[in-house]
């Protein structure tokens, strides 16, 4: 009996420690939509302006090949689903993004999170801080799905359709 009590207490403590070390995506969502980031021209853009519709937030960088490869897919979905807001949060510099945008153009907003984007992604459940990282939110800012790595357009489209149904 003593062993069972010890294991139960140890399990509860371990669970509490994991909960503290593993932030819930919904809590990170609140802080994301409370934030503002500059666009490529330097104008501050409050994230909450995109609530009211589902939002696809894609963390990316100009130096990340899978990020660059998925941009045409994200652009195509952005064009296909005007009832969904798409945002690119660049873990990069504005100068790099402006130069990149001359070659690879997208019609959705590109905002600068810089290198602090790595910590922000980690707080959103991307423990490795890897790119690309996409978070799909419902219209109220609740996390519907997170995707680490290059998006699969068909899978992302299913998620979007589910939010619009």
N, C-alpha and C. Protein backbone atom coordinates (compact mmCIF):
# COMPACT_ATOMS: atom_id res chain seq x y z
N UNK A 1 0.81 -1.19 0.00
CA UNK A 1 0.00 0.00 0.00
C UNK A 1 0.85 1.26 0.00
N UNK A 2 1.94 1.25 0.77
CA UNK A 2 2.80 2.43 0.80
C UNK A 2 3.39 2.71 -0.58
N UNK A 3 3.74 1.64 -1.27
CA UNK A 3 4.33 1.82 -2.60
C UNK A 3 3.32 2.46 -3.55
N UNK A 4 2.07 2.02 -3.49
CA UNK A 4 1.03 2.58 -4.36
C UNK A 4 0.85 4.07 -4.07
N UNK A 5 0.82 4.45 -2.81
CA UNK A 5 0.69 5.87 -2.43
C UNK A 5 1.88 6.69 -2.92
N UNK A 6 3.06 6.12 -2.78
CA UNK A 6 4.27 6.81 -3.27
C UNK A 6 4.20 7.02 -4.78
N UNK A 7 3.84 5.95 -5.50
CA UNK A 7 3.76 6.05 -6.96
C UNK A 7 2.68 7.04 -7.39
N UNK A 8 1.56 7.05 -6.68
CA UNK A 8 0.49 7.99 -7.01
C UNK A 8 0.96 9.43 -6.81
N UNK A 9 1.60 9.71 -5.65
CA UNK A 9 2.11 11.06 -5.39
C UNK A 9 3.20 11.44 -6.39
N UNK A 10 4.09 10.50 -6.71
CA UNK A 10 5.16 10.78 -7.67
C UNK A 10 4.58 11.08 -9.05
N UNK A 11 3.56 10.32 -9.44
CA UNK A 11 2.92 10.55 -10.73
C UNK A 11 2.24 11.91 -10.78
N UNK A 12 1.56 12.30 -9.71
CA UNK A 12 0.91 13.60 -9.66
C UNK A 12 1.93 14.73 -9.74
N UNK A 13 3.03 14.59 -9.01
CA UNK A 13 4.07 15.62 -9.04
C UNK A 13 4.72 15.69 -10.42
N UNK A 14 4.98 14.54 -11.02
CA UNK A 14 5.59 14.53 -12.35
C UNK A 14 4.64 15.17 -13.36
N UNK A 15 3.36 14.85 -13.25
CA UNK A 15 2.37 15.44 -14.15
C UNK A 15 2.30 16.95 -13.99
N UNK A 16 2.35 17.40 -12.75
CA UNK A 16 2.32 18.85 -12.51
C UNK A 16 3.56 19.51 -13.09
N UNK A 17 4.71 18.85 -12.97
CA UNK A 17 5.94 19.39 -13.53
C UNK A 17 5.89 19.46 -15.05
N UNK A 18 5.34 18.41 -15.67
CA UNK A 18 5.20 18.43 -17.13
C UNK A 18 4.24 19.52 -17.57
N UNK A 19 3.16 19.68 -16.84
CA UNK A 19 2.19 20.72 -17.21
C UNK A 19 2.83 22.09 -17.15
N UNK A 20 3.67 22.32 -16.16
CA UNK A 20 4.33 23.62 -16.04
C UNK A 20 5.37 23.81 -17.14
N UNK A 21 6.01 22.72 -17.55
CA UNK A 21 7.06 22.82 -18.56
C UNK A 21 6.51 22.82 -19.99
N UNK A 22 5.28 22.42 -20.18
CA UNK A 22 4.69 22.30 -21.51
C UNK A 22 3.53 23.26 -21.63
N UNK A 23 3.76 24.49 -22.10
CA UNK A 23 2.68 25.47 -22.18
C UNK A 23 1.55 25.01 -23.09
N UNK A 24 0.35 25.33 -22.72
CA UNK A 24 -0.79 24.97 -23.54
C UNK A 24 -0.88 25.92 -24.73
N UNK A 25 -1.13 25.39 -25.93
CA UNK A 25 -1.22 26.26 -27.10
C UNK A 25 -2.25 27.36 -26.95
N UNK A 26 -3.37 27.09 -26.27
CA UNK A 26 -4.40 28.12 -26.15
C UNK A 26 -3.88 29.32 -25.35
N UNK A 27 -3.03 29.08 -24.36
CA UNK A 27 -2.47 30.20 -23.60
C UNK A 27 -1.52 31.00 -24.48
N UNK A 28 -0.74 30.30 -25.30
CA UNK A 28 0.17 31.00 -26.20
C UNK A 28 -0.61 31.78 -27.25
N UNK A 29 -1.78 31.25 -27.64
CA UNK A 29 -2.60 31.95 -28.63
C UNK A 29 -3.03 33.30 -28.09
N UNK A 30 -3.42 33.35 -26.82
CA UNK A 30 -3.82 34.62 -26.23
C UNK A 30 -2.72 35.64 -26.36
N UNK A 31 -1.49 35.26 -26.03
CA UNK A 31 -0.40 36.22 -26.08
C UNK A 31 -0.05 36.59 -27.53
N UNK A 32 -0.24 35.68 -28.48
CA UNK A 32 0.04 36.01 -29.87
C UNK A 32 -0.91 37.10 -30.35
N UNK A 33 -2.19 36.97 -30.06
CA UNK A 33 -3.15 37.96 -30.54
C UNK A 33 -3.15 39.23 -29.70
N UNK A 34 -2.43 39.22 -28.60
CA UNK A 34 -2.22 40.45 -27.82
C UNK A 34 -1.01 41.22 -28.33
N UNK A 35 -0.22 40.59 -29.19
CA UNK A 35 1.03 41.19 -29.68
C UNK A 35 0.80 41.99 -30.96
N UNK A 36 1.79 42.77 -31.31
CA UNK A 36 1.86 43.49 -32.58
C UNK A 36 3.24 43.25 -33.17
N UNK A 37 3.29 43.19 -34.50
CA UNK A 37 4.56 43.00 -35.19
C UNK A 37 4.63 43.95 -36.37
N UNK A 38 5.83 44.42 -36.72
CA UNK A 38 5.95 45.30 -37.89
C UNK A 38 5.81 44.51 -39.20
N UNK A 39 5.22 45.16 -40.20
CA UNK A 39 5.18 44.56 -41.53
C UNK A 39 6.50 44.88 -42.24
N UNK A 40 6.62 44.53 -43.51
CA UNK A 40 7.91 44.72 -44.20
C UNK A 40 8.23 46.19 -44.43
N UNK A 41 7.24 47.06 -44.28
CA UNK A 41 7.49 48.50 -44.39
C UNK A 41 7.76 49.14 -43.03
N UNK A 42 7.65 48.35 -41.96
CA UNK A 42 7.92 48.85 -40.62
C UNK A 42 6.70 49.33 -39.85
N UNK A 43 5.52 49.26 -40.45
CA UNK A 43 4.30 49.68 -39.76
C UNK A 43 3.84 48.59 -38.80
N UNK A 44 3.57 48.98 -37.57
CA UNK A 44 3.15 48.03 -36.54
C UNK A 44 1.76 47.49 -36.86
N UNK A 45 1.60 46.18 -36.80
CA UNK A 45 0.33 45.54 -37.11
C UNK A 45 -0.14 44.72 -35.91
N UNK A 46 -1.23 45.13 -35.27
CA UNK A 46 -1.76 44.34 -34.15
C UNK A 46 -2.36 43.02 -34.65
N UNK A 47 -1.99 41.94 -34.02
CA UNK A 47 -2.46 40.62 -34.43
C UNK A 47 -3.97 40.47 -34.30
N UNK A 48 -4.57 41.13 -33.32
CA UNK A 48 -6.00 40.94 -33.10
C UNK A 48 -6.85 41.46 -34.25
N UNK A 49 -6.28 42.25 -35.15
CA UNK A 49 -7.05 42.74 -36.29
C UNK A 49 -7.50 41.61 -37.21
N UNK A 50 -6.85 40.45 -37.12
CA UNK A 50 -7.19 39.34 -38.00
C UNK A 50 -8.17 38.35 -37.37
N UNK A 51 -8.57 38.59 -36.14
CA UNK A 51 -9.58 37.72 -35.53
C UNK A 51 -10.93 38.01 -36.16
N UNK A 52 -11.85 37.08 -36.00
CA UNK A 52 -13.17 37.20 -36.63
C UNK A 52 -13.30 36.25 -37.80
N UNK A 53 -12.19 35.79 -38.31
CA UNK A 53 -12.11 34.76 -39.34
C UNK A 53 -11.07 33.75 -38.86
N UNK A 54 -11.12 32.51 -39.37
CA UNK A 54 -10.00 31.60 -39.07
C UNK A 54 -8.68 32.25 -39.55
N UNK A 55 -7.59 31.92 -38.85
CA UNK A 55 -6.30 32.51 -39.16
C UNK A 55 -5.25 31.39 -39.30
N UNK A 56 -4.51 31.43 -40.39
CA UNK A 56 -3.39 30.51 -40.60
C UNK A 56 -2.12 31.34 -40.43
N UNK A 57 -1.36 31.04 -39.36
CA UNK A 57 -0.13 31.76 -39.06
C UNK A 57 1.04 30.84 -39.39
N UNK A 58 1.89 31.30 -40.29
CA UNK A 58 3.02 30.50 -40.73
C UNK A 58 4.33 31.18 -40.32
N UNK A 59 5.07 30.55 -39.40
CA UNK A 59 6.40 31.02 -39.03
C UNK A 59 7.37 30.50 -40.08
N UNK A 60 8.19 31.37 -40.62
CA UNK A 60 9.06 31.00 -41.72
C UNK A 60 10.30 31.88 -41.72
N UNK A 61 11.24 31.59 -42.61
CA UNK A 61 12.44 32.42 -42.79
C UNK A 61 12.92 32.28 -44.22
N UNK A 62 13.58 33.31 -44.70
CA UNK A 62 14.08 33.31 -46.08
C UNK A 62 15.17 32.26 -46.28
N UNK A 63 15.88 31.89 -45.23
CA UNK A 63 16.98 30.95 -45.31
C UNK A 63 16.54 29.50 -45.08
N UNK A 64 15.23 29.27 -44.98
CA UNK A 64 14.67 27.94 -44.69
C UNK A 64 14.07 27.34 -45.96
N UNK A 65 14.76 26.38 -46.63
CA UNK A 65 14.24 25.82 -47.89
C UNK A 65 12.81 25.27 -47.81
N UNK A 66 12.43 24.49 -46.77
CA UNK A 66 11.04 24.01 -46.74
C UNK A 66 10.03 25.16 -46.60
N UNK A 67 10.43 26.24 -45.92
CA UNK A 67 9.56 27.41 -45.77
C UNK A 67 9.28 28.02 -47.14
N UNK A 68 10.34 28.20 -47.91
CA UNK A 68 10.23 28.81 -49.24
C UNK A 68 9.41 27.89 -50.16
N UNK A 69 9.63 26.59 -50.03
CA UNK A 69 8.94 25.63 -50.90
C UNK A 69 7.43 25.61 -50.64
N UNK A 70 7.00 25.84 -49.40
CA UNK A 70 5.57 25.77 -49.09
C UNK A 70 4.83 27.09 -49.38
N UNK A 71 5.55 28.16 -49.60
CA UNK A 71 4.88 29.46 -49.80
C UNK A 71 3.91 29.48 -50.98
N UNK A 72 4.24 28.89 -52.13
CA UNK A 72 3.23 28.87 -53.21
C UNK A 72 1.96 28.11 -52.82
N UNK A 73 2.10 27.06 -52.02
CA UNK A 73 0.92 26.31 -51.55
C UNK A 73 0.07 27.17 -50.62
N UNK A 74 0.73 27.88 -49.71
CA UNK A 74 0.00 28.78 -48.81
C UNK A 74 -0.68 29.90 -49.59
N UNK A 75 0.02 30.43 -50.58
CA UNK A 75 -0.56 31.48 -51.41
C UNK A 75 -1.79 30.96 -52.16
N UNK A 76 -1.71 29.76 -52.71
CA UNK A 76 -2.85 29.19 -53.44
C UNK A 76 -4.06 29.01 -52.51
N UNK A 77 -3.82 28.53 -51.29
CA UNK A 77 -4.91 28.37 -50.33
C UNK A 77 -5.46 29.73 -49.91
N UNK A 78 -4.58 30.71 -49.76
CA UNK A 78 -5.02 32.07 -49.43
C UNK A 78 -5.95 32.60 -50.51
N UNK A 79 -5.61 32.38 -51.75
CA UNK A 79 -6.44 32.83 -52.87
C UNK A 79 -7.77 32.06 -52.92
N UNK A 80 -7.72 30.79 -52.60
CA UNK A 80 -8.92 29.93 -52.68
C UNK A 80 -9.90 30.19 -51.54
N UNK A 81 -9.39 30.62 -50.36
CA UNK A 81 -10.22 30.79 -49.18
C UNK A 81 -10.14 32.22 -48.64
N UNK A 82 -10.87 33.14 -49.28
CA UNK A 82 -10.84 34.53 -48.81
C UNK A 82 -11.47 34.72 -47.41
N UNK A 83 -12.20 33.72 -46.94
CA UNK A 83 -12.81 33.79 -45.60
C UNK A 83 -11.83 33.38 -44.51
N UNK A 84 -10.56 33.18 -44.89
CA UNK A 84 -9.51 32.79 -43.93
C UNK A 84 -8.37 33.79 -44.06
N UNK A 85 -7.88 34.27 -42.94
CA UNK A 85 -6.71 35.16 -42.94
C UNK A 85 -5.44 34.32 -42.89
N UNK A 86 -4.50 34.64 -43.76
CA UNK A 86 -3.19 34.01 -43.77
C UNK A 86 -2.16 35.06 -43.39
N UNK A 87 -1.21 34.68 -42.55
CA UNK A 87 -0.14 35.59 -42.12
C UNK A 87 1.18 34.83 -42.14
N UNK A 88 2.22 35.48 -42.62
CA UNK A 88 3.56 34.94 -42.54
C UNK A 88 4.33 35.71 -41.48
N UNK A 89 4.80 35.01 -40.45
CA UNK A 89 5.61 35.64 -39.40
C UNK A 89 7.06 35.25 -39.65
N UNK A 90 7.84 36.20 -40.10
CA UNK A 90 9.22 35.93 -40.51
C UNK A 90 10.18 35.96 -39.32
N UNK A 91 10.85 34.85 -39.14
CA UNK A 91 11.92 34.74 -38.15
C UNK A 91 13.18 35.16 -38.90
N UNK A 92 13.24 36.44 -39.21
CA UNK A 92 14.23 36.96 -40.14
C UNK A 92 14.27 38.48 -39.99
N UNK A 93 15.03 39.14 -40.84
CA UNK A 93 15.09 40.60 -40.83
C UNK A 93 14.19 41.17 -41.92
N UNK A 94 13.73 42.38 -41.73
CA UNK A 94 12.88 43.04 -42.72
C UNK A 94 13.62 43.19 -44.05
N UNK A 95 14.90 43.52 -44.00
CA UNK A 95 15.69 43.68 -45.24
C UNK A 95 15.72 42.38 -46.03
N UNK A 96 15.94 41.25 -45.36
CA UNK A 96 15.96 39.96 -46.04
C UNK A 96 14.60 39.64 -46.65
N UNK A 97 13.54 39.93 -45.90
CA UNK A 97 12.19 39.61 -46.37
C UNK A 97 11.81 40.50 -47.55
N UNK A 98 12.14 41.77 -47.50
CA UNK A 98 11.85 42.66 -48.64
C UNK A 98 12.55 42.17 -49.91
N UNK A 99 13.81 41.81 -49.78
CA UNK A 99 14.57 41.32 -50.93
C UNK A 99 13.98 40.00 -51.45
N UNK A 100 13.63 39.12 -50.53
CA UNK A 100 13.03 37.84 -50.88
C UNK A 100 11.69 38.05 -51.58
N UNK A 101 10.90 38.99 -51.07
CA UNK A 101 9.56 39.24 -51.59
C UNK A 101 9.58 39.77 -53.02
N UNK A 102 10.70 40.30 -53.45
CA UNK A 102 10.83 40.72 -54.86
C UNK A 102 10.82 39.52 -55.79
N UNK A 103 11.34 38.38 -55.30
CA UNK A 103 11.42 37.16 -56.11
C UNK A 103 10.20 36.26 -55.92
N UNK A 104 9.83 36.05 -54.68
CA UNK A 104 8.71 35.18 -54.34
C UNK A 104 7.65 36.04 -53.67
N UNK A 105 6.61 36.37 -54.44
CA UNK A 105 5.60 37.27 -53.91
C UNK A 105 4.39 36.49 -53.41
N UNK A 106 3.87 36.95 -52.29
CA UNK A 106 2.63 36.42 -51.74
C UNK A 106 1.72 37.61 -51.46
N UNK A 107 0.43 37.36 -51.50
CA UNK A 107 -0.52 38.45 -51.29
C UNK A 107 -0.97 38.56 -49.83
N UNK A 108 -0.58 37.61 -49.00
CA UNK A 108 -0.93 37.71 -47.58
C UNK A 108 0.14 38.50 -46.84
N UNK A 109 -0.21 39.11 -45.70
CA UNK A 109 0.75 39.95 -44.98
C UNK A 109 1.95 39.16 -44.45
N UNK A 110 3.12 39.78 -44.55
CA UNK A 110 4.35 39.24 -43.98
C UNK A 110 4.77 40.18 -42.85
N UNK A 111 4.88 39.63 -41.66
CA UNK A 111 5.24 40.41 -40.48
C UNK A 111 6.56 39.92 -39.93
N UNK A 112 7.28 40.80 -39.25
CA UNK A 112 8.60 40.48 -38.72
C UNK A 112 8.52 40.12 -37.23
N UNK A 113 8.88 38.88 -36.89
CA UNK A 113 9.01 38.51 -35.48
C UNK A 113 10.48 38.40 -35.11
N UNK A 114 11.35 38.39 -36.10
CA UNK A 114 12.79 38.30 -35.83
C UNK A 114 13.15 37.02 -35.10
N UNK A 115 14.30 37.05 -34.47
CA UNK A 115 14.78 35.84 -33.79
C UNK A 115 14.01 35.55 -32.52
N UNK A 116 13.25 36.51 -32.00
CA UNK A 116 12.40 36.24 -30.84
C UNK A 116 11.27 35.28 -31.23
N UNK A 117 11.06 35.09 -32.53
CA UNK A 117 10.05 34.15 -32.99
C UNK A 117 10.34 32.72 -32.56
N UNK A 118 11.61 32.38 -32.38
CA UNK A 118 11.97 31.03 -31.94
C UNK A 118 11.38 30.76 -30.56
N UNK A 119 11.57 31.68 -29.62
CA UNK A 119 11.01 31.50 -28.28
C UNK A 119 9.49 31.52 -28.31
N UNK A 120 8.92 32.35 -29.15
CA UNK A 120 7.47 32.41 -29.27
C UNK A 120 6.94 31.07 -29.76
N UNK A 121 7.59 30.47 -30.76
CA UNK A 121 7.16 29.16 -31.26
C UNK A 121 7.28 28.10 -30.17
N UNK A 122 8.35 28.16 -29.41
CA UNK A 122 8.52 27.19 -28.32
C UNK A 122 7.39 27.31 -27.32
N UNK A 123 6.97 28.54 -27.02
CA UNK A 123 5.87 28.73 -26.07
C UNK A 123 4.54 28.25 -26.64
N UNK A 124 4.51 28.01 -27.95
CA UNK A 124 3.29 27.56 -28.61
C UNK A 124 3.30 26.05 -28.85
N UNK A 125 4.26 25.35 -28.28
CA UNK A 125 4.31 23.90 -28.39
C UNK A 125 5.37 23.36 -29.33
N UNK A 126 6.06 24.22 -30.06
CA UNK A 126 7.13 23.81 -30.97
C UNK A 126 8.42 23.79 -30.15
N UNK A 127 8.60 22.73 -29.38
CA UNK A 127 9.69 22.66 -28.40
C UNK A 127 11.07 22.80 -29.06
N UNK A 128 11.22 22.30 -30.28
CA UNK A 128 12.51 22.37 -30.95
C UNK A 128 12.76 23.74 -31.57
N UNK A 129 11.71 24.53 -31.75
CA UNK A 129 11.86 25.83 -32.40
C UNK A 129 12.14 25.70 -33.88
N UNK A 130 11.70 24.58 -34.49
CA UNK A 130 11.96 24.32 -35.89
C UNK A 130 11.05 25.10 -36.84
N UNK A 131 11.54 25.28 -38.05
CA UNK A 131 10.79 25.96 -39.10
C UNK A 131 10.63 25.01 -40.28
N UNK A 132 9.58 25.18 -41.05
CA UNK A 132 8.44 26.06 -40.82
C UNK A 132 7.54 25.50 -39.73
N UNK A 133 6.74 26.39 -39.17
CA UNK A 133 5.79 26.03 -38.12
C UNK A 133 4.51 26.81 -38.40
N UNK A 134 3.42 26.09 -38.54
CA UNK A 134 2.14 26.70 -38.89
C UNK A 134 1.14 26.42 -37.79
N UNK A 135 0.43 27.46 -37.39
CA UNK A 135 -0.63 27.33 -36.39
C UNK A 135 -1.92 27.81 -37.03
N UNK A 136 -2.94 26.97 -36.96
CA UNK A 136 -4.25 27.32 -37.51
C UNK A 136 -5.17 27.62 -36.33
N UNK A 137 -5.77 28.81 -36.38
CA UNK A 137 -6.66 29.28 -35.32
C UNK A 137 -8.09 29.36 -35.84
N UNK A 138 -9.04 29.16 -34.94
CA UNK A 138 -10.42 29.42 -35.30
C UNK A 138 -10.66 30.93 -35.26
N UNK A 139 -11.86 31.36 -35.58
CA UNK A 139 -12.16 32.78 -35.70
C UNK A 139 -12.02 33.54 -34.38
N UNK A 140 -12.07 32.81 -33.25
CA UNK A 140 -11.95 33.45 -31.94
C UNK A 140 -10.52 33.41 -31.39
N UNK A 141 -9.61 32.81 -32.15
CA UNK A 141 -8.22 32.75 -31.71
C UNK A 141 -7.86 31.47 -30.97
N UNK A 142 -8.74 30.48 -30.98
CA UNK A 142 -8.42 29.19 -30.38
C UNK A 142 -7.60 28.34 -31.34
N UNK A 143 -6.64 27.63 -30.83
CA UNK A 143 -5.79 26.79 -31.68
C UNK A 143 -6.58 25.59 -32.18
N UNK A 144 -6.65 25.46 -33.51
CA UNK A 144 -7.32 24.32 -34.12
C UNK A 144 -6.31 23.23 -34.47
N UNK A 145 -5.10 23.64 -34.90
CA UNK A 145 -4.09 22.67 -35.33
C UNK A 145 -2.72 23.34 -35.36
N UNK A 146 -1.68 22.57 -35.05
CA UNK A 146 -0.31 23.03 -35.26
C UNK A 146 0.37 22.05 -36.21
N UNK A 147 1.24 22.59 -37.04
CA UNK A 147 1.95 21.77 -38.03
C UNK A 147 3.42 22.16 -37.98
N UNK A 148 4.26 21.22 -37.58
CA UNK A 148 5.70 21.43 -37.60
C UNK A 148 6.24 20.81 -38.87
N UNK A 149 6.95 21.60 -39.65
CA UNK A 149 7.46 21.14 -40.93
C UNK A 149 6.60 21.67 -42.06
N UNK A 150 7.00 21.32 -43.25
CA UNK A 150 6.31 21.81 -44.44
C UNK A 150 4.86 21.33 -44.46
N UNK A 151 3.94 22.24 -44.76
CA UNK A 151 2.53 21.87 -44.80
C UNK A 151 2.25 20.97 -45.99
N UNK A 152 1.29 20.09 -45.80
CA UNK A 152 0.74 19.29 -46.90
C UNK A 152 -0.55 20.00 -47.29
N UNK A 153 -0.60 20.58 -48.49
CA UNK A 153 -1.74 21.42 -48.87
C UNK A 153 -3.10 20.75 -48.68
N UNK A 154 -3.21 19.46 -49.03
CA UNK A 154 -4.50 18.77 -48.89
C UNK A 154 -4.93 18.69 -47.43
N UNK A 155 -3.98 18.42 -46.53
CA UNK A 155 -4.30 18.32 -45.11
C UNK A 155 -4.68 19.68 -44.54
N UNK A 156 -3.94 20.72 -44.93
CA UNK A 156 -4.27 22.06 -44.46
C UNK A 156 -5.64 22.48 -44.99
N UNK A 157 -5.93 22.13 -46.22
CA UNK A 157 -7.23 22.48 -46.79
C UNK A 157 -8.37 21.80 -46.02
N UNK A 158 -8.18 20.56 -45.60
CA UNK A 158 -9.20 19.85 -44.80
C UNK A 158 -9.44 20.59 -43.48
N UNK A 159 -8.35 21.03 -42.84
CA UNK A 159 -8.47 21.77 -41.57
C UNK A 159 -9.26 23.06 -41.80
N UNK A 160 -8.91 23.77 -42.86
CA UNK A 160 -9.60 25.04 -43.19
C UNK A 160 -11.08 24.78 -43.46
N UNK A 161 -11.38 23.77 -44.24
CA UNK A 161 -12.80 23.45 -44.54
C UNK A 161 -13.57 23.13 -43.28
N UNK A 162 -12.91 22.42 -42.35
CA UNK A 162 -13.56 22.10 -41.08
C UNK A 162 -13.90 23.35 -40.27
N UNK A 163 -13.02 24.34 -40.34
CA UNK A 163 -13.27 25.60 -39.60
C UNK A 163 -14.36 26.44 -40.27
N UNK A 164 -14.51 26.29 -41.57
CA UNK A 164 -15.51 27.08 -42.29
C UNK A 164 -16.87 26.41 -42.34
N UNK A 165 -16.94 25.14 -41.96
CA UNK A 165 -18.22 24.39 -42.02
C UNK A 165 -19.22 24.89 -41.00
